[in-house]
Amino acid sequence: MKSKLFIFGLIILLSNTSYVFADKAINTKMHIATKDDLKTLPNVGNKVCPVSGDKIPAPGKKGDMGEAIQYVYNGKIYNLCCPMCIKQFKKNPDKYSKIAEEESTKSNAGKN
């Protein structure tokens, strides 16, 4: 009886452990950019929010939706117009990161 209880407890413990590891992996993939991130990771340089389509306010300034957010996804920093856009970005990061990169490429091409 004790061995069955031990095995059952071990199964529960291991199932919770894998969930914790998976959660940490997700958190390291996407997060609000830290000071270290800003020093080491490339900024996509998008000037328009890929979620809302609003212009990104200048650093230290607030736009219509609030203060701009720099958000890390897949080792790159993406600019969002406000904290509210994070939730939508998280739902489909591949879609929104692609939009941001395309916008950045177009705006940089126009400068040359």
PDB file of N, CA and C in Angstrom:
ATOM      1  N   MET A   1       0.820  -1.199   0.000  1.00  0.00           N
ATOM      2  CA  MET A   1       0.000   0.000   0.000  1.00  0.00           C
ATOM      3  C   MET A   1       0.863   1.262   0.000  1.00  0.00           C
ATOM      4  N   LYS A   2       1.945   1.244   0.812  1.00  0.00           N
ATOM      5  CA  LYS A   2       2.826   2.414   0.871  1.00  0.00           C
ATOM      6  C   LYS A   2       3.508   2.667  -0.470  1.00  0.00           C
ATOM      7  N   SER A   3       3.891   1.593  -1.162  1.00  0.00           N
ATOM      8  CA  SER A   3       4.582   1.776  -2.447  1.00  0.00           C
ATOM      9  C   SER A   3       3.637   2.363  -3.501  1.00  0.00           C
ATOM     10  N   LYS A   4       2.364   1.957  -3.484  1.00  0.00           N
ATOM     11  CA  LYS A   4       1.390   2.520  -4.413  1.00  0.00           C
ATOM     12  C   LYS A   4       1.170   4.003  -4.131  1.00  0.00           C
ATOM     13  N   LEU A   5       1.084   4.350  -2.862  1.00  0.00           N
ATOM     14  CA  LEU A   5       0.905   5.749  -2.462  1.00  0.00           C
ATOM     15  C   LEU A   5       2.124   6.581  -2.850  1.00  0.00           C
ATOM     16  N   PHE A   6       3.320   5.986  -2.661  1.00  0.00           N
ATOM     17  CA  PHE A   6       4.554   6.672  -3.032  1.00  0.00           C
ATOM     18  C   PHE A   6       4.597   6.929  -4.541  1.00  0.00           C
ATOM     19  N   ILE A   7       4.270   5.921  -5.331  1.00  0.00           N
ATOM     20  CA  ILE A   7       4.286   6.059  -6.791  1.00  0.00           C
ATOM     21  C   ILE A   7       3.253   7.090  -7.240  1.00  0.00           C
ATOM     22  N   PHE A   8       2.080   7.058  -6.655  1.00  0.00           N
ATOM     23  CA  PHE A   8       1.048   8.033  -6.988  1.00  0.00           C
ATOM     24  C   PHE A   8       1.520   9.452  -6.671  1.00  0.00           C
ATOM     25  N   GLY A   9       2.130   9.643  -5.519  1.00  0.00           N
ATOM     26  CA  GLY A   9       2.661  10.955  -5.143  1.00  0.00           C
ATOM     27  C   GLY A   9       3.769  11.412  -6.068  1.00  0.00           C
ATOM     28  N   LEU A  10       4.617  10.470  -6.474  1.00  0.00           N
ATOM     29  CA  LEU A  10       5.711  10.781  -7.386  1.00  0.00           C
ATOM     30  C   LEU A  10       5.180  11.209  -8.758  1.00  0.00           C
ATOM     31  N   ILE A  11       4.150  10.540  -9.241  1.00  0.00           N
ATOM     32  CA  ILE A  11       3.540  10.895 -10.528  1.00  0.00           C
ATOM     33  C   ILE A  11       2.979  12.315 -10.472  1.00  0.00           C
ATOM     34  N   ILE A  12       2.292  12.633  -9.398  1.00  0.00           N
ATOM     35  CA  ILE A  12       1.725  13.982  -9.250  1.00  0.00           C
ATOM     36  C   ILE A  12       2.838  15.019  -9.194  1.00  0.00           C
ATOM     37  N   LEU A  13       3.883  14.728  -8.447  1.00  0.00           N
ATOM     38  CA  LEU A  13       5.008  15.654  -8.325  1.00  0.00           C
ATOM     39  C   LEU A  13       5.662  15.893  -9.683  1.00  0.00           C
ATOM     40  N   LEU A  14       5.916  14.834 -10.431  1.00  0.00           N
ATOM     41  CA  LEU A  14       6.563  14.982 -11.738  1.00  0.00           C
ATOM     42  C   LEU A  14       5.676  15.688 -12.746  1.00  0.00           C
ATOM     43  N   SER A  15       4.384  15.450 -12.693  1.00  0.00           N
ATOM     44  CA  SER A  15       3.497  16.134 -13.636  1.00  0.00           C
ATOM     45  C   SER A  15       3.468  17.631 -13.367  1.00  0.00           C
ATOM     46  N   ASN A  16       3.521  18.032 -12.109  1.00  0.00           N
ATOM     47  CA  ASN A  16       3.562  19.461 -11.783  1.00  0.00           C
ATOM     48  C   ASN A  16       4.902  20.076 -12.126  1.00  0.00           C
ATOM     49  N   THR A  17       5.966  19.311 -11.996  1.00  0.00           N
ATOM     50  CA  THR A  17       7.304  19.814 -12.291  1.00  0.00           C
ATOM     51  C   THR A  17       7.441  20.154 -13.769  1.00  0.00           C
ATOM     52  N   SER A  18       6.961  19.301 -14.652  1.00  0.00           N
ATOM     53  CA  SER A  18       7.078  19.590 -16.078  1.00  0.00           C
ATOM     54  C   SER A  18       6.285  20.840 -16.450  1.00  0.00           C
ATOM     55  N   TYR A  19       5.167  21.062 -15.785  1.00  0.00           N
ATOM     56  CA  TYR A  19       4.378  22.264 -16.035  1.00  0.00           C
ATOM     57  C   TYR A  19       5.167  23.501 -15.646  1.00  0.00           C
ATOM     58  N   VAL A  20       5.853  23.445 -14.519  1.00  0.00           N
ATOM     59  CA  VAL A  20       6.642  24.593 -14.059  1.00  0.00           C
ATOM     60  C   VAL A  20       7.760  24.877 -15.051  1.00  0.00           C
ATOM     61  N   PHE A  21       8.455  23.828 -15.529  1.00  0.00           N
ATOM     62  CA  PHE A  21       9.520  24.041 -16.497  1.00  0.00           C
ATOM     63  C   PHE A  21       8.986  24.625 -17.796  1.00  0.00           C
ATOM     64  N   ALA A  22       7.859  24.134 -18.256  1.00  0.00           N
ATOM     65  CA  ALA A  22       7.262  24.651 -19.490  1.00  0.00           C
ATOM     66  C   ALA A  22       6.882  26.111 -19.322  1.00  0.00           C
ATOM     67  N   ASP A  23       6.333  26.468 -18.169  1.00  0.00           N
ATOM     68  CA  ASP A  23       5.934  27.848 -17.912  1.00  0.00           C
ATOM     69  C   ASP A  23       7.148  28.772 -17.920  1.00  0.00           C
ATOM     70  N   LYS A  24       8.252  28.342 -17.322  1.00  0.00           N
ATOM     71  CA  LYS A  24       9.457  29.167 -17.307  1.00  0.00           C
ATOM     72  C   LYS A  24      10.008  29.347 -18.705  1.00  0.00           C
ATOM     73  N   ALA A  25       9.928  28.319 -19.530  1.00  0.00           N
ATOM     74  CA  ALA A  25      10.419  28.429 -20.900  1.00  0.00           C
ATOM     75  C   ALA A  25       9.610  29.463 -21.675  1.00  0.00           C
ATOM     76  N   ILE A  26       8.312  29.487 -21.467  1.00  0.00           N
ATOM     77  CA  ILE A  26       7.464  30.473 -22.137  1.00  0.00           C
ATOM     78  C   ILE A  26       7.815  31.879 -21.670  1.00  0.00           C
ATOM     79  N   ASN A  27       8.034  32.047 -20.370  1.00  0.00           N
ATOM     80  CA  ASN A  27       8.340  33.365 -19.834  1.00  0.00           C
ATOM     81  C   ASN A  27       9.672  33.901 -20.339  1.00  0.00           C
ATOM     82  N   THR A  28      10.637  33.020 -20.614  1.00  0.00           N
ATOM     83  CA  THR A  28      11.919  33.510 -21.107  1.00  0.00           C
ATOM     84  C   THR A  28      11.839  33.865 -22.586  1.00  0.00           C
ATOM     85  N   LYS A  29      10.858  33.354 -23.289  1.00  0.00           N
ATOM     86  CA  LYS A  29      10.714  33.636 -24.709  1.00  0.00           C
ATOM     87  C   LYS A  29      10.090  35.008 -24.955  1.00  0.00           C
ATOM     88  N   MET A  30       9.070  35.370 -24.175  1.00  0.00           N
ATOM     89  CA  MET A  30       8.366  36.641 -24.358  1.00  0.00           C
ATOM     90  C   MET A  30       8.279  37.369 -23.022  1.00  0.00           C
ATOM     91  N   HIS A  31       8.697  38.617 -23.018  1.00  0.00           N
ATOM     92  CA  HIS A  31       8.595  39.424 -21.808  1.00  0.00           C
ATOM     93  C   HIS A  31       8.866  40.895 -22.133  1.00  0.00           C
ATOM     94  N   ILE A  32       8.487  41.748 -21.209  1.00  0.00           N
ATOM     95  CA  ILE A  32       8.803  43.172 -21.363  1.00  0.00           C
ATOM     96  C   ILE A  32      10.316  43.318 -21.291  1.00  0.00           C
ATOM     97  N   ALA A  33      10.871  44.092 -22.195  1.00  0.00           N
ATOM     98  CA  ALA A  33      12.323  44.239 -22.286  1.00  0.00           C
ATOM     99  C   ALA A  33      12.902  44.849 -21.008  1.00  0.00           C
ATOM    100  N   THR A  34      13.983  44.256 -20.534  1.00  0.00           N
ATOM    101  CA  THR A  34      14.709  44.763 -19.371  1.00  0.00           C
ATOM    102  C   THR A  34      15.850  45.661 -19.858  1.00  0.00           C
ATOM    103  N   LYS A  35      16.550  46.302 -18.929  1.00  0.00           N
ATOM    104  CA  LYS A  35      17.698  47.141 -19.303  1.00  0.00           C
ATOM    105  C   LYS A  35      18.774  46.304 -19.993  1.00  0.00           C
ATOM    106  N   ASP A  36      18.984  45.074 -19.506  1.00  0.00           N
ATOM    107  CA  ASP A  36      19.973  44.192 -20.141  1.00  0.00           C
ATOM    108  C   ASP A  36      19.548  43.824 -21.558  1.00  0.00           C
ATOM    109  N   ASP A  37      18.254  43.567 -21.752  1.00  0.00           N
ATOM    110  CA  ASP A  37      17.747  43.261 -23.086  1.00  0.00           C
ATOM    111  C   ASP A  37      18.030  44.417 -24.041  1.00  0.00           C
ATOM    112  N   LEU A  38      17.782  45.632 -23.568  1.00  0.00           N
ATOM    113  CA  LEU A  38      17.974  46.817 -24.418  1.00  0.00           C
ATOM    114  C   LEU A  38      19.434  46.972 -24.842  1.00  0.00           C
ATOM    115  N   LYS A  39      20.362  46.490 -23.992  1.00  0.00           N
ATOM    116  CA  LYS A  39      21.782  46.584 -24.316  1.00  0.00           C
ATOM    117  C   LYS A  39      22.241  45.478 -25.261  1.00  0.00           C
ATOM    118  N   THR A  40      21.602  44.308 -25.177  1.00  0.00           N
ATOM    119  CA  THR A  40      22.135  43.145 -25.890  1.00  0.00           C
ATOM    120  C   THR A  40      21.306  42.665 -27.079  1.00  0.00           C
ATOM    121  N   LEU A  41      20.011  42.915 -27.077  1.00  0.00           N
ATOM    122  CA  LEU A  41      19.154  42.377 -28.139  1.00  0.00           C
ATOM    123  C   LEU A  41      18.882  43.414 -29.227  1.00  0.00           C
ATOM    124  N   PRO A  42      18.728  42.964 -30.459  1.00  0.00           N
ATOM    125  CA  PRO A  42      18.416  43.910 -31.539  1.00  0.00           C
ATOM    126  C   PRO A  42      16.972  44.401 -31.447  1.00  0.00           C
ATOM    127  N   ASN A  43      16.785  45.684 -31.696  1.00  0.00           N
ATOM    128  CA  ASN A  43      15.448  46.276 -31.743  1.00  0.00           C
ATOM    129  C   ASN A  43      15.007  46.267 -33.197  1.00  0.00           C
ATOM    130  N   VAL A  44      13.833  45.722 -33.443  1.00  0.00           N
ATOM    131  CA  VAL A  44      13.304  45.660 -34.807  1.00  0.00           C
ATOM    132  C   VAL A  44      13.187  47.066 -35.388  1.00  0.00           C
ATOM    133  N   GLY A  45      12.872  48.038 -34.547  1.00  0.00           N
ATOM    134  CA  GLY A  45      12.820  49.430 -34.986  1.00  0.00           C
ATOM    135  C   GLY A  45      11.498  49.851 -35.588  1.00  0.00           C
ATOM    136  N   ASN A  46      10.445  49.086 -35.311  1.00  0.00           N
ATOM    137  CA  ASN A  46       9.139  49.468 -35.858  1.00  0.00           C
ATOM    138  C   ASN A  46       8.638  50.750 -35.199  1.00  0.00           C
ATOM    139  N   LYS A  47       8.107  51.641 -36.015  1.00  0.00           N
ATOM    140  CA  LYS A  47       7.606  52.936 -35.535  1.00  0.00           C
ATOM    141  C   LYS A  47       6.084  52.941 -35.412  1.00  0.00           C
ATOM    142  N   VAL A  48       5.458  51.856 -35.882  1.00  0.00           N
ATOM    143  CA  VAL A  48       4.001  51.696 -35.809  1.00  0.00           C
ATOM    144  C   VAL A  48       3.720  50.409 -35.039  1.00  0.00           C
ATOM    145  N   CYS A  49       2.772  50.462 -34.129  1.00  0.00           N
ATOM    146  CA  CYS A  49       2.417  49.300 -33.326  1.00  0.00           C
ATOM    147  C   CYS A  49       1.813  48.219 -34.234  1.00  0.00           C
ATOM    148  N   PRO A  50       2.346  46.999 -34.191  1.00  0.00           N
ATOM    149  CA  PRO A  50       1.813  45.943 -35.052  1.00  0.00           C
ATOM    150  C   PRO A  50       0.417  45.474 -34.630  1.00  0.00           C
ATOM    151  N   VAL A  51       0.026  45.774 -33.414  1.00  0.00           N
ATOM    152  CA  VAL A  51      -1.285  45.341 -32.912  1.00  0.00           C
ATOM    153  C   VAL A  51      -2.364  46.361 -33.250  1.00  0.00           C
ATOM    154  N   SER A  52      -2.153  47.613 -32.852  1.00  0.00           N
ATOM    155  CA  SER A  52      -3.189  48.637 -33.020  1.00  0.00           C
ATOM    156  C   SER A  52      -3.054  49.449 -34.303  1.00  0.00           C
ATOM    157  N   GLY A  53      -1.839  49.503 -34.849  1.00  0.00           N
ATOM    158  CA  GLY A  53      -1.599  50.340 -36.023  1.00  0.00           C
ATOM    159  C   GLY A  53      -1.312  51.786 -35.658  1.00  0.00           C
ATOM    160  N   ASP A  54      -1.256  52.098 -34.354  1.00  0.00           N
ATOM    161  CA  ASP A  54      -0.951  53.462 -33.905  1.00  0.00           C
ATOM    162  C   ASP A  54       0.549  53.722 -33.957  1.00  0.00           C
ATOM    163  N   LYS A  55       0.896  54.989 -34.121  1.00  0.00           N
ATOM    164  CA  LYS A  55       2.292  55.405 -34.112  1.00  0.00           C
ATOM    165  C   LYS A  55       2.871  55.185 -32.705  1.00  0.00           C
ATOM    166  N   ILE A  56       4.114  54.730 -32.633  1.00  0.00           N
ATOM    167  CA  ILE A  56       4.793  54.506 -31.355  1.00  0.00           C
ATOM    168  C   ILE A  56       5.248  55.866 -30.818  1.00  0.00           C
ATOM    169  N   PRO A  57       4.858  56.204 -29.578  1.00  0.00           N
ATOM    170  CA  PRO A  57       5.319  57.481 -29.020  1.00  0.00           C
ATOM    171  C   PRO A  57       6.836  57.483 -28.780  1.00  0.00           C
ATOM    172  N   ALA A  58       7.420  58.650 -28.810  1.00  0.00           N
ATOM    173  CA  ALA A  58       8.853  58.787 -28.545  1.00  0.00           C
ATOM    174  C   ALA A  58       9.154  58.334 -27.114  1.00  0.00           C
ATOM    175  N   PRO A  59      10.386  57.861 -26.868  1.00  0.00           N
ATOM    176  CA  PRO A  59      10.744  57.438 -25.513  1.00  0.00           C
ATOM    177  C   PRO A  59      10.468  58.532 -24.484  1.00  0.00           C
ATOM    178  N   GLY A  60       9.832  58.155 -23.394  1.00  0.00           N
ATOM    179  CA  GLY A  60       9.495  59.100 -22.329  1.00  0.00           C
ATOM    180  C   GLY A  60       8.203  59.860 -22.562  1.00  0.00           C
ATOM    181  N   LYS A  61       7.612  59.729 -23.739  1.00  0.00           N
ATOM    182  CA  LYS A  61       6.357  60.415 -24.059  1.00  0.00           C
ATOM    183  C   LYS A  61       5.212  59.413 -24.042  1.00  0.00           C
ATOM    184  N   LYS A  62       4.010  59.926 -23.796  1.00  0.00           N
ATOM    185  CA  LYS A  62       2.828  59.074 -23.828  1.00  0.00           C
ATOM    186  C   LYS A  62       2.029  59.365 -25.090  1.00  0.00           C
ATOM    187  N   GLY A  63       1.536  58.307 -25.697  1.00  0.00           N
ATOM    188  CA  GLY A  63       0.667  58.442 -26.858  1.00  0.00           C
ATOM    189  C   GLY A  63      -0.783  58.451 -26.402  1.00  0.00           C
ATOM    190  N   ASP A  64      -1.679  58.275 -27.340  1.00  0.00           N
ATOM    191  CA  ASP A  64      -3.108  58.244 -27.030  1.00  0.00           C
ATOM    192  C   ASP A  64      -3.472  57.094 -26.101  1.00  0.00           C
ATOM    193  N   MET A  65      -2.754  55.978 -26.208  1.00  0.00           N
ATOM    194  CA  MET A  65      -3.075  54.782 -25.434  1.00  0.00           C
ATOM    195  C   MET A  65      -2.214  54.629 -24.187  1.00  0.00           C
ATOM    196  N   GLY A  66      -1.214  55.482 -24.022  1.00  0.00           N
ATOM    197  CA  GLY A  66      -0.323  55.380 -22.865  1.00  0.00           C
ATOM    198  C   GLY A  66       1.123  55.378 -23.307  1.00  0.00           C
ATOM    199  N   GLU A  67       1.971  54.894 -22.416  1.00  0.00           N
ATOM    200  CA  GLU A  67       3.404  54.873 -22.686  1.00  0.00           C
ATOM    201  C   GLU A  67       3.776  53.650 -23.522  1.00  0.00           C
ATOM    202  N   ALA A  68       4.703  53.835 -24.447  1.00  0.00           N
ATOM    203  CA  ALA A  68       5.144  52.744 -25.314  1.00  0.00           C
ATOM    204  C   ALA A  68       5.824  51.646 -24.502  1.00  0.00           C
ATOM    205  N   ILE A  69       5.761  50.436 -25.028  1.00  0.00           N
ATOM    206  CA  ILE A  69       6.356  49.264 -24.387  1.00  0.00           C
ATOM    207  C   ILE A  69       7.306  48.606 -25.371  1.00  0.00           C
ATOM    208  N   GLN A  70       8.455  48.186 -24.888  1.00  0.00           N
ATOM    209  CA  GLN A  70       9.367  47.392 -25.707  1.00  0.00           C
ATOM    210  C   GLN A  70       9.251  45.960 -25.211  1.00  0.00           C
ATOM    211  N   TYR A  71       8.949  45.047 -26.134  1.00  0.00           N
ATOM    212  CA  TYR A  71       8.607  43.679 -25.784  1.00  0.00           C
ATOM    213  C   TYR A  71       9.517  42.700 -26.508  1.00  0.00           C
ATOM    214  N   VAL A  72      10.048  41.715 -25.776  1.00  0.00           N
ATOM    215  CA  VAL A  72      10.974  40.741 -26.341  1.00  0.00           C
ATOM    216  C   VAL A  72      10.222  39.507 -26.815  1.00  0.00           C
ATOM    217  N   TYR A  73      10.523  39.114 -28.047  1.00  0.00           N
ATOM    218  CA  TYR A  73       9.997  37.872 -28.608  1.00  0.00           C
ATOM    219  C   TYR A  73      11.065  37.278 -29.519  1.00  0.00           C
ATOM    220  N   ASN A  74      11.400  36.033 -29.298  1.00  0.00           N
ATOM    221  CA  ASN A  74      12.401  35.319 -30.102  1.00  0.00           C
ATOM    222  C   ASN A  74      13.716  36.084 -30.237  1.00  0.00           C
ATOM    223  N   GLY A  75      14.166  36.678 -29.162  1.00  0.00           N
ATOM    224  CA  GLY A  75      15.464  37.338 -29.163  1.00  0.00           C
ATOM    225  C   GLY A  75      15.515  38.692 -29.834  1.00  0.00           C
ATOM    226  N   LYS A  76      14.358  39.270 -30.137  1.00  0.00           N
ATOM    227  CA  LYS A  76      14.305  40.608 -30.731  1.00  0.00           C
ATOM    228  C   LYS A  76      13.355  41.477 -29.919  1.00  0.00           C
ATOM    229  N   ILE A  77      13.586  42.779 -29.976  1.00  0.00           N
ATOM    230  CA  ILE A  77      12.728  43.729 -29.265  1.00  0.00           C
ATOM    231  C   ILE A  77      11.748  44.355 -30.252  1.00  0.00           C
ATOM    232  N   TYR A  78      10.482  44.270 -29.900  1.00  0.00           N
ATOM    233  CA  TYR A  78       9.406  44.858 -30.713  1.00  0.00           C
ATOM    234  C   TYR A  78       8.788  46.013 -29.941  1.00  0.00           C
ATOM    235  N   ASN A  79       8.453  47.082 -30.642  1.00  0.00           N
ATOM    236  CA  ASN A  79       7.856  48.262 -30.018  1.00  0.00           C
ATOM    237  C   ASN A  79       6.334  48.181 -30.127  1.00  0.00           C
ATOM    238  N   LEU A  80       5.671  48.331 -28.980  1.00  0.00           N
ATOM    239  CA  LEU A  80       4.210  48.352 -28.927  1.00  0.00           C
ATOM    240  C   LEU A  80       3.795  49.715 -28.404  1.00  0.00           C
ATOM    241  N   CYS A  81       2.625  50.189 -28.815  1.00  0.00           N
ATOM    242  CA  CYS A  81       2.216  51.553 -28.461  1.00  0.00           C
ATOM    243  C   CYS A  81       1.802  51.698 -26.998  1.00  0.00           C
ATOM    244  N   CYS A  82       1.396  50.592 -26.364  1.00  0.00           N
ATOM    245  CA  CYS A  82       0.919  50.698 -24.983  1.00  0.00           C
ATOM    246  C   CYS A  82       0.898  49.313 -24.325  1.00  0.00           C
ATOM    247  N   PRO A  83       0.792  49.265 -23.012  1.00  0.00           N
ATOM    248  CA  PRO A  83       0.740  47.977 -22.310  1.00  0.00           C
ATOM    249  C   PRO A  83      -0.458  47.107 -22.702  1.00  0.00           C
ATOM    250  N   MET A  84      -1.552  47.720 -23.127  1.00  0.00           N
ATOM    251  CA  MET A  84      -2.738  46.937 -23.490  1.00  0.00           C
ATOM    252  C   MET A  84      -2.496  46.052 -24.715  1.00  0.00           C
ATOM    253  N   CYS A  85      -1.555  46.405 -25.558  1.00  0.00           N
ATOM    254  CA  CYS A  85      -1.286  45.636 -26.770  1.00  0.00           C
ATOM    255  C   CYS A  85      -0.515  44.341 -26.476  1.00  0.00           C
ATOM    256  N   ILE A  86       0.069  44.231 -25.308  1.00  0.00           N
ATOM    257  CA  ILE A  86       0.833  43.023 -24.964  1.00  0.00           C
ATOM    258  C   ILE A  86      -0.057  41.789 -25.014  1.00  0.00           C
ATOM    259  N   LYS A  87      -1.247  41.875 -24.458  1.00  0.00           N
ATOM    260  CA  LYS A  87      -2.145  40.723 -24.401  1.00  0.00           C
ATOM    261  C   LYS A  87      -2.447  40.197 -25.809  1.00  0.00           C
ATOM    262  N   GLN A  88      -2.736  41.092 -26.730  1.00  0.00           N
ATOM    263  CA  GLN A  88      -3.041  40.691 -28.101  1.00  0.00           C
ATOM    264  C   GLN A  88      -1.794  40.139 -28.787  1.00  0.00           C
ATOM    265  N   PHE A  89      -0.646  40.772 -28.556  1.00  0.00           N
ATOM    266  CA  PHE A  89       0.618  40.309 -29.139  1.00  0.00           C
ATOM    267  C   PHE A  89       0.907  38.879 -28.687  1.00  0.00           C
ATOM    268  N   LYS A  90       0.686  38.584 -27.397  1.00  0.00           N
ATOM    269  CA  LYS A  90       0.933  37.243 -26.858  1.00  0.00           C
ATOM    270  C   LYS A  90       0.050  36.181 -27.506  1.00  0.00           C
ATOM    271  N   LYS A  91      -1.159  36.562 -27.924  1.00  0.00           N
ATOM    272  CA  LYS A  91      -2.075  35.600 -28.530  1.00  0.00           C
ATOM    273  C   LYS A  91      -1.567  35.095 -29.879  1.00  0.00           C
ATOM    274  N   ASN A  92      -0.880  35.958 -30.630  1.00  0.00           N
ATOM    275  CA  ASN A  92      -0.389  35.567 -31.949  1.00  0.00           C
ATOM    276  C   ASN A  92       0.933  36.288 -32.245  1.00  0.00           C
ATOM    277  N   PRO A  93       1.986  35.937 -31.505  1.00  0.00           N
ATOM    278  CA  PRO A  93       3.245  36.678 -31.655  1.00  0.00           C
ATOM    279  C   PRO A  93       3.880  36.558 -33.033  1.00  0.00           C
ATOM    280  N   ASP A  94       3.705  35.420 -33.697  1.00  0.00           N
ATOM    281  CA  ASP A  94       4.286  35.283 -35.033  1.00  0.00           C
ATOM    282  C   ASP A  94       3.662  36.280 -36.007  1.00  0.00           C
ATOM    283  N   LYS A  95       2.353  36.422 -35.942  1.00  0.00           N
ATOM    284  CA  LYS A  95       1.639  37.366 -36.809  1.00  0.00           C
ATOM    285  C   LYS A  95       2.107  38.796 -36.562  1.00  0.00           C
ATOM    286  N   TYR A  96       2.112  39.213 -35.291  1.00  0.00           N
ATOM    287  CA  TYR A  96       2.432  40.605 -34.980  1.00  0.00           C
ATOM    288  C   TYR A  96       3.917  40.922 -35.147  1.00  0.00           C
ATOM    289  N   SER A  97       4.794  39.956 -34.878  1.00  0.00           N
ATOM    290  CA  SER A  97       6.219  40.212 -35.095  1.00  0.00           C
ATOM    291  C   SER A  97       6.499  40.373 -36.590  1.00  0.00           C
ATOM    292  N   LYS A  98       5.818  39.592 -37.409  1.00  0.00           N
ATOM    293  CA  LYS A  98       5.981  39.718 -38.861  1.00  0.00           C
ATOM    294  C   LYS A  98       5.503  41.090 -39.344  1.00  0.00           C
ATOM    295  N   ILE A  99       4.362  41.544 -38.823  1.00  0.00           N
ATOM    296  CA  ILE A  99       3.844  42.869 -39.183  1.00  0.00           C
ATOM    297  C   ILE A  99       4.852  43.951 -38.807  1.00  0.00           C
ATOM    298  N   ALA A 100       5.417  43.850 -37.603  1.00  0.00           N
ATOM    299  CA  ALA A 100       6.382  44.851 -37.131  1.00  0.00           C
ATOM    300  C   ALA A 100       7.636  44.858 -38.003  1.00  0.00           C
ATOM    301  N   GLU A 101       8.124  43.675 -38.356  1.00  0.00           N
ATOM    302  CA  GLU A 101       9.336  43.599 -39.165  1.00  0.00           C
ATOM    303  C   GLU A 101       9.097  44.124 -40.580  1.00  0.00           C
ATOM    304  N   GLU A 102       7.924  43.831 -41.139  1.00  0.00           N
ATOM    305  CA  GLU A 102       7.601  44.351 -42.474  1.00  0.00           C
ATOM    306  C   GLU A 102       7.496  45.875 -42.452  1.00  0.00           C
ATOM    307  N   GLU A 103       6.861  46.410 -41.426  1.00  0.00           N
ATOM    308  CA  GLU A 103       6.714  47.872 -41.307  1.00  0.00           C
ATOM    309  C   GLU A 103       8.071  48.533 -41.154  1.00  0.00           C
ATOM    310  N   SER A 104       8.929  47.931 -40.353  1.00  0.00           N
ATOM    311  CA  SER A 104      10.266  48.489 -40.134  1.00  0.00           C
ATOM    312  C   SER A 104      11.080  48.481 -41.425  1.00  0.00           C
ATOM    313  N   THR A 105      10.992  47.392 -42.177  1.00  0.00           N
ATOM    314  CA  THR A 105      11.710  47.279 -43.439  1.00  0.00           C
ATOM    315  C   THR A 105      11.221  48.344 -44.430  1.00  0.00           C
ATOM    316  N   LYS A 106       9.909  48.522 -44.507  1.00  0.00           N
ATOM    317  CA  LYS A 106       9.349  49.538 -45.418  1.00  0.00           C
ATOM    318  C   LYS A 106       9.785  50.945 -45.033  1.00  0.00           C
ATOM    319  N   SER A 107       9.711  51.263 -43.729  1.00  0.00           N
ATOM    320  CA  SER A 107      10.075  52.621 -43.304  1.00  0.00           C
ATOM    321  C   SER A 107      11.557  52.876 -43.464  1.00  0.00           C
ATOM    322  N   ASN A 108      12.403  51.854 -43.268  1.00  0.00           N
ATOM    323  CA  ASN A 108      13.846  52.023 -43.473  1.00  0.00           C
ATOM    324  C   ASN A 108      14.197  52.123 -44.942  1.00  0.00           C
ATOM    325  N   ALA A 109      13.449  51.446 -45.803  1.00  0.00           N
ATOM    326  CA  ALA A 109      13.688  51.514 -47.254  1.00  0.00           C
ATOM    327  C   ALA A 109      13.361  52.912 -47.779  1.00  0.00           C
ATOM    328  N   GLY A 110      12.359  53.553 -47.171  1.00  0.00           N
ATOM    329  CA  GLY A 110      11.971  54.896 -47.586  1.00  0.00           C
ATOM    330  C   GLY A 110      12.993  55.960 -47.233  1.00  0.00           C
ATOM    331  N   LYS A 111      13.901  55.661 -46.309  1.00  0.00           N
ATOM    332  CA  LYS A 111      14.928  56.626 -45.889  1.00  0.00           C
ATOM    333  C   LYS A 111      16.081  56.686 -46.866  1.00  0.00           C
ATOM    334  N   ASN A 112      16.270  55.615 -47.644  1.00  0.00           N
ATOM    335  CA  ASN A 112      17.423  55.564 -48.570  1.00  0.00           C
ATOM    336  C   ASN A 112      17.163  56.251 -49.865  1.00  0.00           C
TER     337      ASN A 112
END
